[in-house]
Amino acid sequence: MEMVKKDIRQFSRVGLLEVMTELGEKPYRAKQIYEWIWSKSATSFDEMTNISKSFRSQLKAHFEFLPIRKDIQQTSHDGTVKASFRLFDENLIEGVLIPSDHRMTACISSQVGCSLSCAFCATGYLERKRNLTPAEIYDQVIQINLMALDIYKLPLTNIVLMGMGEPLLNYPNVMQAIDHLISPEGLGMSSRRITLSTAGIAKMIRKLADDEVRFNLALSLHAATDQKRNQIMPINASNSLQSLSDALQYFYQKTNSKITLEYIAFKNFNDGPEDVEDLYHFAKKIPCLINIIEYNPIDQATFQKSSFETLEKFRASLEKKGLNVRLRRSRGKDIDAACGQLANKRD
């Protein structure tokens, strides 16, 4: 009977030490392997050139790598690049490279599909099949960095967990992946260049605070009354705006980390003068930046985008009230790479 191999990247530092003991190897081997995996991004034992061939053969007999594979890559007229990635079990996820004058940003996914069913988001119409592993989250960063170097000759500067899925519903794996990205034993990135975006799970935002994370947090708000938010985001029924406000204030007090409120404007739904007032009353209690985002239409929903004049008026009204507001134009709409459009469409 063929032995089932274990994924070598599922082991922690301590776990690798235990594996080395079981294999009769010196403890320093664990450090070597860990460095190859998370600092040098190896995806095969053959790359581990400071380890003997005989030991590499032993490792191959017991363990395997399950790296993601780039499937289809598309480039938008505005320079945004979207890639679908095939996982070891043939599931697909998507990630996006967003280039700008001063940044190369990777937008990465945390789940296969999503369970939150937000009415305006294409991913929300997909079934949530499973959580991504820490290695699958990490691999997206590696792959998108290669895309940035290949196309723009520049490395990634920023990472946003704003792709498919709800990161806070995959908490342990997301946190492990971020640790591999920021740890000196991993890629050594600055935590301040990483932003986690959530649809709003109050108790998990509080957990982030208690864990004293150092990365940035973004809340997908999109409506500033419970009545309106309930219509477009079912998660709001169990995570009211008051509970989210309290959690965000707690998060800021504990971490002093930047909070962004993401607000997609829908025509004649949440883009009027009364919505300015509602958003102001929510945002004034939280040290935050507000991103006003133009809506990107999807096949499954009937929402329409607000006009640019309406968006600009909305932004200016909030700014006049003393809030820090930015109007964010969508990128990659023509290849379904923009905010809310990731859905594994196969043309």
Protein backbone atom coordinates (compact mmCIF):
# COMPACT_ATOMS: atom_id res chain seq x y z
CA MET A 1 0.00 0.00 0.00
CA GLU A 2 1.37 3.39 -1.00
CA MET A 3 2.27 5.66 1.89
CA VAL A 4 0.31 8.92 2.05
CA LYS A 5 2.76 11.80 1.98
CA LYS A 6 2.31 14.81 4.25
CA ASP A 7 2.52 18.41 3.09
CA ILE A 8 5.89 19.61 4.38
CA ARG A 9 4.57 23.18 4.62
CA GLN A 10 1.94 22.28 7.19
CA PHE A 11 4.59 21.95 9.91
CA SER A 12 5.55 24.73 12.30
CA ARG A 13 9.15 25.26 13.39
CA VAL A 14 8.51 22.99 16.37
CA GLY A 15 6.77 20.45 14.15
CA LEU A 16 9.77 20.31 11.81
CA LEU A 17 12.07 19.76 14.80
CA GLU A 18 9.96 16.76 15.81
CA VAL A 19 10.08 15.44 12.23
CA MET A 20 13.88 15.67 12.21
CA THR A 21 14.06 13.74 15.48
CA GLU A 22 11.80 11.01 14.05
CA LEU A 23 14.03 10.78 10.96
CA GLY A 24 17.17 10.59 13.10
CA GLU A 25 18.51 13.93 11.79
CA LYS A 26 20.22 16.77 13.60
CA PRO A 27 17.93 19.62 14.85
CA TYR A 28 19.64 22.21 12.62
CA ARG A 29 18.09 20.47 9.60
CA ALA A 30 14.69 21.84 10.69
CA LYS A 31 16.04 25.40 10.52
CA GLN A 32 17.52 24.75 7.06
CA ILE A 33 14.25 23.35 5.69
CA TYR A 34 12.16 26.11 7.29
CA GLU A 35 14.42 28.73 5.70
CA TRP A 36 14.16 27.11 2.26
CA ILE A 37 10.38 26.99 2.51
CA TRP A 38 9.50 30.40 3.92
CA SER A 39 12.51 32.65 3.24
CA LYS A 40 13.61 31.28 -0.13
CA SER A 41 10.13 30.14 -1.23
CA ALA A 42 11.24 26.68 -2.34
CA THR A 43 8.52 24.42 -3.71
CA SER A 44 10.62 21.27 -4.17
CA PHE A 45 13.24 19.42 -2.17
CA ASP A 46 15.63 19.53 -5.15
CA GLU A 47 16.06 23.28 -4.59
CA MET A 48 17.53 22.64 -1.12
CA THR A 49 21.12 22.50 -2.32
CA ASN A 50 22.79 22.62 1.11
CA ILE A 51 21.08 19.34 2.05
CA SER A 52 22.58 16.02 0.91
CA LYS A 53 20.92 14.16 -1.96
CA SER A 54 20.33 11.12 0.23
CA PHE A 55 18.46 13.17 2.83
CA ARG A 56 16.50 14.96 0.11
CA SER A 57 15.45 11.52 -1.19
CA GLN A 58 14.33 10.59 2.32
CA LEU A 59 12.29 13.78 2.56
CA LYS A 60 10.70 13.11 -0.84
CA ALA A 61 9.66 9.66 0.34
CA HIS A 62 7.74 11.07 3.31
CA PHE A 63 6.66 14.58 2.31
CA GLU A 64 5.43 16.65 -0.61
CA PHE A 65 4.82 20.24 -1.68
CA LEU A 66 1.37 21.35 -2.83
CA PRO A 67 2.12 24.69 -4.54
CA ILE A 68 -0.50 26.71 -6.39
CA ARG A 69 -0.12 26.88 -10.18
CA LYS A 70 -0.87 29.90 -12.35
CA ASP A 71 -3.73 29.02 -14.68
CA ILE A 72 -4.79 32.04 -16.77
CA GLN A 73 -3.30 35.54 -16.75
CA GLN A 74 -5.07 38.62 -18.15
CA THR A 75 -3.88 42.21 -18.43
CA SER A 76 -6.25 45.19 -18.32
CA HIS A 77 -5.88 48.27 -20.50
CA ASP A 78 -5.00 50.17 -17.29
CA GLY A 79 -2.12 47.80 -16.45
CA THR A 80 -3.89 45.75 -13.80
CA VAL A 81 -3.10 42.04 -14.08
CA LYS A 82 -5.41 39.24 -12.93
CA ALA A 83 -4.37 35.63 -12.55
CA SER A 84 -6.34 32.55 -11.70
CA PHE A 85 -4.47 29.96 -9.66
CA ARG A 86 -5.19 26.25 -9.65
CA LEU A 87 -4.85 24.48 -6.31
CA PHE A 88 -3.69 20.91 -5.71
CA ASP A 89 -7.34 19.74 -5.57
CA GLU A 90 -8.14 21.56 -8.87
CA ASN A 91 -10.12 24.34 -7.18
CA LEU A 92 -9.51 27.82 -8.57
CA ILE A 93 -8.87 31.15 -6.87
CA GLU A 94 -7.95 34.57 -8.25
CA GLY A 95 -5.40 37.21 -7.36
CA VAL A 96 -4.69 40.64 -8.80
CA LEU A 97 -1.60 42.80 -9.34
CA ILE A 98 -2.43 46.50 -9.10
CA PRO A 99 0.39 48.76 -10.30
CA SER A 100 0.54 52.48 -9.55
CA ASP A 101 3.17 55.23 -9.57
CA HIS A 102 4.57 54.40 -6.16
CA ARG A 103 3.25 50.92 -5.39
CA MET A 104 2.95 47.37 -6.63
CA THR A 105 0.02 45.88 -4.74
CA ALA A 106 -1.04 42.23 -4.62
CA CYS A 107 -4.72 41.59 -3.90
CA ILE A 108 -4.95 38.01 -2.64
CA SER A 109 -7.66 35.52 -1.67
CA SER A 110 -8.21 33.68 1.61
CA GLN A 111 -10.93 31.14 0.71
CA VAL A 112 -12.20 29.17 -2.26
CA GLY A 113 -15.47 31.01 -2.79
CA CYS A 114 -17.23 32.81 0.06
CA SER A 115 -20.08 32.12 2.47
CA LEU A 116 -21.19 35.70 3.15
CA SER A 117 -23.39 36.26 0.06
CA CYS A 118 -22.95 40.04 -0.19
CA ALA A 119 -25.48 41.12 -2.83
CA PHE A 120 -23.07 43.26 -4.88
CA CYS A 121 -20.07 40.89 -4.93
CA ALA A 122 -19.54 38.21 -7.58
CA THR A 123 -17.56 36.01 -5.18
CA GLY A 124 -20.54 36.07 -2.81
CA TYR A 125 -22.56 34.14 -5.40
CA LEU A 126 -20.04 31.29 -5.36
CA GLU A 127 -20.19 28.37 -2.96
CA ARG A 128 -17.55 28.48 -0.22
CA LYS A 129 -15.69 25.23 -0.82
CA ARG A 130 -12.85 25.49 1.70
CA ASN A 131 -10.34 27.67 3.44
CA LEU A 132 -6.95 28.26 1.88
CA THR A 133 -3.91 26.92 3.70
CA PRO A 134 -1.18 29.30 4.93
CA ALA A 135 1.02 28.05 2.08
CA GLU A 136 -1.66 28.76 -0.56
CA ILE A 137 -2.06 32.30 0.74
CA TYR A 138 1.73 32.78 0.83
CA ASP A 139 2.11 31.32 -2.69
CA GLN A 140 -0.17 33.98 -4.16
CA VAL A 141 2.22 36.67 -2.93
CA ILE A 142 5.19 34.84 -4.45
CA GLN A 143 3.42 34.32 -7.79
CA ILE A 144 2.13 37.90 -8.04
CA ASN A 145 5.58 39.23 -7.11
CA LEU A 146 7.00 37.23 -10.04
CA MET A 147 4.36 38.81 -12.28
CA ALA A 148 5.34 42.30 -11.04
CA LEU A 149 9.04 41.63 -11.68
CA ASP A 150 8.35 40.15 -15.10
CA ILE A 151 5.97 42.85 -16.36
CA TYR A 152 7.05 45.99 -14.48
CA LYS A 153 10.59 45.08 -13.32
CA LEU A 154 9.52 46.09 -9.80
CA PRO A 155 8.86 43.99 -6.69
CA LEU A 156 5.66 44.03 -4.66
CA THR A 157 5.39 46.78 -2.09
CA ASN A 158 1.94 46.09 -0.60
CA ILE A 159 -0.43 43.21 0.07
CA VAL A 160 -4.19 43.46 0.56
CA LEU A 161 -6.32 40.50 1.63
CA MET A 162 -9.29 41.76 -0.38
CA GLY A 163 -9.70 38.91 -2.85
CA MET A 164 -12.02 35.94 -2.65
CA GLY A 165 -13.35 34.95 0.78
CA GLU A 166 -13.61 36.42 4.27
CA PRO A 167 -10.17 36.38 5.94
CA LEU A 168 -11.56 36.43 9.48
CA LEU A 169 -13.44 33.18 8.82
CA ASN A 170 -10.06 31.58 8.06
CA TYR A 171 -8.33 33.22 11.00
CA PRO A 172 -5.59 30.73 12.01
CA ASN A 173 -4.43 30.11 8.43
CA VAL A 174 -4.47 33.81 7.50
CA MET A 175 -2.51 34.72 10.62
CA GLN A 176 0.05 31.99 9.93
CA ALA A 177 0.42 33.15 6.33
CA ILE A 178 0.95 36.76 7.43
CA ASP A 179 3.55 35.56 9.93
CA HIS A 180 5.45 33.85 7.09
CA LEU A 181 5.28 37.09 5.09
CA ILE A 182 6.52 39.41 7.85
CA SER A 183 8.76 37.17 9.96
CA PRO A 184 12.54 37.66 9.69
CA GLU A 185 12.65 33.87 9.12
CA GLY A 186 10.15 34.34 6.27
CA LEU A 187 9.97 37.08 3.64
CA GLY A 188 10.62 39.87 6.16
CA MET A 189 8.00 42.25 4.77
CA SER A 190 6.78 45.21 6.82
CA SER A 191 3.45 44.48 8.54
CA ARG A 192 2.46 48.09 7.83
CA ARG A 193 2.35 47.22 4.14
CA ILE A 194 -0.29 44.54 4.67
CA THR A 195 -4.03 45.28 4.90
CA LEU A 196 -6.69 42.76 5.90
CA SER A 197 -10.20 43.54 4.66
CA THR A 198 -13.27 42.14 6.42
CA ALA A 199 -17.01 42.29 5.81
CA GLY A 200 -17.31 42.83 9.56
CA ILE A 201 -17.17 40.13 12.23
CA ALA A 202 -17.03 42.06 15.50
CA LYS A 203 -15.68 39.33 17.79
CA MET A 204 -12.87 38.52 15.33
CA ILE A 205 -11.92 42.21 15.00
CA ARG A 206 -11.61 42.18 18.79
CA LYS A 207 -9.45 39.04 18.54
CA LEU A 208 -7.15 40.85 16.09
CA ALA A 209 -6.85 43.60 18.70
CA ASP A 210 -6.14 41.14 21.52
CA ASP A 211 -3.51 39.46 19.34
CA GLU A 212 -1.97 42.93 18.91
CA VAL A 213 -1.55 42.65 15.16
CA ARG A 214 0.54 45.29 13.44
CA PHE A 215 -1.01 45.18 9.99
CA ASN A 216 -3.76 47.51 8.75
CA LEU A 217 -7.48 46.77 8.89
CA ALA A 218 -10.17 47.66 6.37
CA LEU A 219 -13.91 47.29 6.95
CA SER A 220 -16.16 46.74 3.92
CA LEU A 221 -18.89 49.06 5.18
CA HIS A 222 -20.92 50.07 2.09
CA ALA A 223 -23.92 51.32 4.10
CA ALA A 224 -24.04 53.23 7.38
CA THR A 225 -27.45 52.20 8.70
CA ASP A 226 -28.40 48.68 9.77
CA GLN A 227 -31.55 48.87 7.66
CA LYS A 228 -29.58 49.45 4.43
CA ARG A 229 -26.61 47.27 5.31
CA ASN A 230 -28.89 44.33 6.09
CA GLN A 231 -30.23 44.55 2.53
CA ILE A 232 -26.84 44.11 0.88
CA MET A 233 -24.72 42.30 3.51
CA PRO A 234 -26.42 39.43 5.40
CA ILE A 235 -23.50 39.36 7.88
CA ASN A 236 -24.85 42.61 9.32
CA ALA A 237 -27.82 40.79 10.89
CA SER A 238 -25.44 39.20 13.41
CA ASN A 239 -22.86 42.01 13.45
CA SER A 240 -24.69 45.31 13.84
CA LEU A 241 -23.05 48.62 13.05
CA GLN A 242 -22.94 49.45 16.77
CA SER A 243 -21.05 46.21 17.53
CA LEU A 244 -18.67 46.91 14.63
CA SER A 245 -18.11 50.49 15.79
CA ASP A 246 -17.27 49.29 19.30
CA ALA A 247 -14.93 46.60 17.92
CA LEU A 248 -13.13 49.06 15.62
CA GLN A 249 -12.60 51.53 18.47
CA TYR A 250 -11.25 48.69 20.60
CA PHE A 251 -8.96 47.61 17.74
CA TYR A 252 -7.53 51.10 17.38
CA GLN A 253 -6.99 51.52 21.13
CA LYS A 254 -5.09 48.22 21.32
CA THR A 255 -3.03 48.45 18.12
CA ASN A 256 -2.90 52.09 17.02
CA SER A 257 -3.11 50.61 13.50
CA LYS A 258 -4.71 52.32 10.56
CA ILE A 259 -8.39 51.59 9.84
CA THR A 260 -9.96 52.11 6.42
CA LEU A 261 -13.69 52.17 5.77
CA GLU A 262 -14.46 50.90 2.28
CA TYR A 263 -17.70 52.34 0.88
CA ILE A 264 -18.98 51.29 -2.55
CA ALA A 265 -21.50 53.83 -3.83
CA PHE A 266 -24.65 52.45 -5.49
CA LYS A 267 -26.89 54.75 -7.53
CA ASN A 268 -29.96 55.92 -5.58
CA PHE A 269 -29.23 53.52 -2.72
CA ASN A 270 -26.42 54.84 -0.52
CA ASP A 271 -25.12 57.92 -2.35
CA GLY A 272 -27.48 60.70 -1.19
CA PRO A 273 -27.22 63.56 1.36
CA GLU A 274 -28.80 61.43 4.12
CA ASP A 275 -26.14 58.76 3.47
CA VAL A 276 -23.45 61.40 3.95
CA GLU A 277 -24.94 62.14 7.39
CA ASP A 278 -25.19 58.46 8.32
CA LEU A 279 -21.61 57.76 7.24
CA TYR A 280 -20.34 60.81 9.08
CA HIS A 281 -22.00 59.71 12.33
CA PHE A 282 -20.47 56.24 12.01
CA ALA A 283 -16.99 57.35 10.96
CA LYS A 284 -16.47 60.28 13.34
CA LYS A 285 -15.99 57.89 16.30
CA ILE A 286 -13.18 55.97 14.60
CA PRO A 287 -9.76 57.28 13.48
CA CYS A 288 -10.06 56.25 9.87
CA LEU A 289 -9.63 56.88 6.17
CA ILE A 290 -12.79 56.51 4.07
CA ASN A 291 -12.38 55.07 0.58
CA ILE A 292 -15.35 55.93 -1.65
CA ILE A 293 -15.31 53.29 -4.39
CA GLU A 294 -17.17 53.28 -7.69
CA TYR A 295 -19.33 50.21 -8.15
CA ASN A 296 -18.28 47.56 -10.63
CA PRO A 297 -21.34 45.90 -12.19
CA ILE A 298 -21.67 42.13 -12.05
CA ASP A 299 -23.98 39.81 -14.00
CA GLN A 300 -25.75 38.54 -10.87
CA ALA A 301 -26.95 41.91 -9.49
CA THR A 302 -28.99 44.90 -10.70
CA PHE A 303 -27.13 47.65 -8.82
CA GLN A 304 -25.96 50.60 -10.88
CA LYS A 305 -22.90 52.76 -10.39
CA SER A 306 -23.24 56.32 -9.13
CA SER A 307 -22.20 59.04 -11.53
CA PHE A 308 -18.77 60.57 -11.07
CA GLU A 309 -20.42 63.91 -10.23
CA THR A 310 -22.42 62.22 -7.43
CA LEU A 311 -19.31 60.50 -6.11
CA GLU A 312 -17.33 63.72 -6.09
CA LYS A 313 -20.16 65.59 -4.33
CA PHE A 314 -20.39 62.76 -1.77
CA ARG A 315 -16.63 62.91 -1.14
CA ALA A 316 -16.57 66.69 -0.83
CA SER A 317 -19.50 66.69 1.63
CA LEU A 318 -17.69 64.25 3.91
CA GLU A 319 -14.44 66.18 3.62
CA LYS A 320 -16.25 69.38 4.58
CA LYS A 321 -17.29 67.63 7.79
CA GLY A 322 -13.63 67.04 8.65
CA LEU A 323 -13.29 63.40 7.59
CA ASN A 324 -10.31 61.93 5.73
CA VAL A 325 -11.82 60.81 2.43
CA ARG A 326 -10.46 59.47 -0.83
CA LEU A 327 -12.29 58.70 -4.06
CA ARG A 328 -10.94 55.48 -5.50
CA ARG A 329 -11.36 54.77 -9.19
CA SER A 330 -11.75 51.11 -10.12
CA ARG A 331 -8.91 49.22 -11.75
CA GLY A 332 -9.12 46.20 -14.03
CA LYS A 333 -12.86 46.40 -14.78
CA ASP A 334 -12.43 45.15 -18.35
CA ILE A 335 -10.96 41.84 -17.13
CA ASP A 336 -13.31 41.42 -14.11
CA ALA A 337 -10.43 42.15 -11.76
CA ALA A 338 -11.97 45.11 -9.94
CA CYS A 339 -13.42 45.22 -6.45
CA GLY A 340 -16.30 42.73 -6.14
CA GLN A 341 -15.76 41.10 -9.54
CA LEU A 342 -13.61 38.04 -8.72
CA ALA A 343 -15.70 35.01 -9.67
CA ASN A 344 -13.52 32.57 -11.62
CA LYS A 345 -15.27 33.48 -14.86
CA ARG A 346 -13.95 31.36 -17.75
CA ASP A 347 -14.45 33.13 -21.07
